[in-house]
Amino acid sequence: MYKERGNIMASNTIMPITKLREEIMHLPELLDEERQVTITRRGNPVAVIISYKGFMRILEQIEKMSQEIEALQETIEILQDKELMESIREGMEAIQRGDTVSLEEARQALELE
């Protein structure tokens, strides 16, 4: 029927393209959440078929990674801004010295009340 190979990014079924026609009706059963089917032609991988749930999980992971990359880029920008870093350093030193104002005092100073 088809060959199954060990743990390659989850359980991976290797199927020659000629067998795909015979197995197409059974593909949904093969494509549970933890499985993918790699289609081969002349022994070389040419396509991968995954379940809808697996596809959505990949999209979610890509979105999370994209957000993490964006956050890292923002952090790098802040760290490279010498004036901003100096202001942050001065603010942290002021806090350590106890040189702070209450929320009420800050609101009054900024005329927010």
Protein backbone atom coordinates (compact mmCIF):
# COMPACT_ATOMS: atom_id res chain seq x y z
CA MET A 1 0.00 0.00 0.00
CA TYR A 2 2.34 2.81 1.20
CA LYS A 3 5.39 3.23 3.41
CA GLU A 4 5.38 4.94 6.77
CA ARG A 5 8.52 6.55 8.08
CA GLY A 6 9.41 7.45 11.65
CA ASN A 7 9.10 10.77 13.37
CA ILE A 8 9.74 13.45 10.73
CA MET A 9 8.09 16.59 12.15
CA ALA A 10 5.27 14.33 13.43
CA SER A 11 4.22 11.08 11.83
CA ASN A 12 4.93 11.18 8.11
CA THR A 13 3.49 8.86 5.48
CA ILE A 14 5.54 8.53 2.29
CA MET A 15 3.40 7.77 -0.75
CA PRO A 16 4.44 7.51 -4.39
CA ILE A 17 2.38 9.72 -6.67
CA THR A 18 1.09 6.63 -8.50
CA LYS A 19 -0.45 5.37 -5.23
CA LEU A 20 -2.10 8.73 -4.56
CA ARG A 21 -4.87 7.95 -7.07
CA GLU A 22 -5.62 4.66 -5.32
CA GLU A 23 -5.51 6.18 -1.83
CA ILE A 24 -7.19 9.55 -2.48
CA MET A 25 -10.48 8.48 -0.87
CA HIS A 26 -8.61 7.39 2.28
CA LEU A 27 -6.57 10.58 2.55
CA PRO A 28 -8.78 12.21 5.23
CA GLU A 29 -8.19 9.23 7.53
CA LEU A 30 -4.44 9.47 6.95
CA LEU A 31 -4.41 13.18 7.69
CA ASP A 32 -5.19 13.27 11.36
CA GLU A 33 -3.79 16.14 13.40
CA GLU A 34 -0.37 14.59 13.85
CA ARG A 35 0.27 13.31 10.36
CA GLN A 36 1.34 14.51 6.97
CA VAL A 37 1.60 12.70 3.67
CA THR A 38 4.68 13.28 1.54
CA ILE A 39 4.08 12.55 -2.13
CA THR A 40 7.06 11.28 -4.08
CA ARG A 41 7.86 11.00 -7.77
CA ARG A 42 10.66 8.60 -8.69
CA GLY A 43 11.57 8.41 -5.02
CA ASN A 44 11.99 12.18 -4.58
CA PRO A 45 9.60 14.27 -2.45
CA VAL A 46 7.48 16.59 -4.62
CA ALA A 47 4.58 17.62 -2.36
CA VAL A 48 3.27 17.46 1.20
CA ILE A 49 -0.39 17.15 2.13
CA ILE A 50 -1.47 18.08 5.65
CA SER A 51 -4.80 18.19 7.46
CA TYR A 52 -6.77 21.41 7.77
CA LYS A 53 -6.13 21.40 11.54
CA GLY A 54 -2.41 20.95 10.93
CA PHE A 55 -2.44 23.81 8.42
CA MET A 56 -4.25 26.11 10.87
CA ARG A 57 -1.77 25.18 13.62
CA ILE A 58 1.11 26.13 11.30
CA LEU A 59 -0.56 29.48 10.51
CA GLU A 60 -1.00 30.18 14.24
CA GLN A 61 2.67 29.40 14.88
CA ILE A 62 3.72 31.69 12.05
CA GLU A 63 1.56 34.51 13.47
CA LYS A 64 3.06 34.04 16.96
CA MET A 65 6.58 34.04 15.55
CA SER A 66 5.81 37.14 13.51
CA GLN A 67 4.63 38.95 16.65
CA GLU A 68 7.73 37.85 18.56
CA ILE A 69 9.99 39.07 15.76
CA GLU A 70 8.19 42.42 15.72
CA ALA A 71 8.64 42.77 19.49
CA LEU A 72 12.34 41.93 19.19
CA GLN A 73 12.77 44.51 16.41
CA GLU A 74 11.13 47.16 18.61
CA THR A 75 13.43 46.21 21.49
CA ILE A 76 16.47 46.50 19.24
CA GLU A 77 15.31 49.94 18.06
CA ILE A 78 14.94 51.10 21.67
CA LEU A 79 18.35 49.72 22.64
CA GLN A 80 19.96 51.51 19.69
CA ASP A 81 18.39 54.88 20.57
CA LYS A 82 21.11 56.40 22.79
CA GLU A 83 19.00 59.36 23.96
CA LEU A 84 16.08 57.15 24.91
CA MET A 85 18.35 54.69 26.73
CA GLU A 86 19.94 57.58 28.65
CA SER A 87 16.48 58.83 29.66
CA ILE A 88 15.50 55.36 30.81
CA ARG A 89 18.75 55.04 32.78
CA GLU A 90 18.18 58.45 34.42
CA GLY A 91 14.61 57.50 35.28
CA MET A 92 15.70 54.23 36.87
CA GLU A 93 18.35 56.03 38.91
CA ALA A 94 15.74 58.57 40.05
CA ILE A 95 13.48 55.74 41.19
CA GLN A 96 16.34 54.13 43.12
CA ARG A 97 17.04 57.46 44.84
CA GLY A 98 13.36 57.81 45.71
CA ASP A 99 13.08 60.91 43.53
CA THR A 100 9.50 60.24 42.44
CA VAL A 101 6.11 61.93 42.47
CA SER A 102 2.70 60.48 43.23
CA LEU A 103 0.15 59.85 40.50
CA GLU A 104 -1.87 62.79 41.81
CA GLU A 105 1.15 65.11 41.63
CA ALA A 106 1.92 63.94 38.09
CA ARG A 107 -1.67 64.57 36.99
CA GLN A 108 -1.58 68.07 38.44
CA ALA A 109 1.79 68.82 36.85
CA LEU A 110 0.52 67.63 33.48
CA GLU A 111 -2.79 69.46 34.01
CA LEU A 112 -4.80 66.28 33.55
CA GLU A 113 -7.27 67.21 36.28
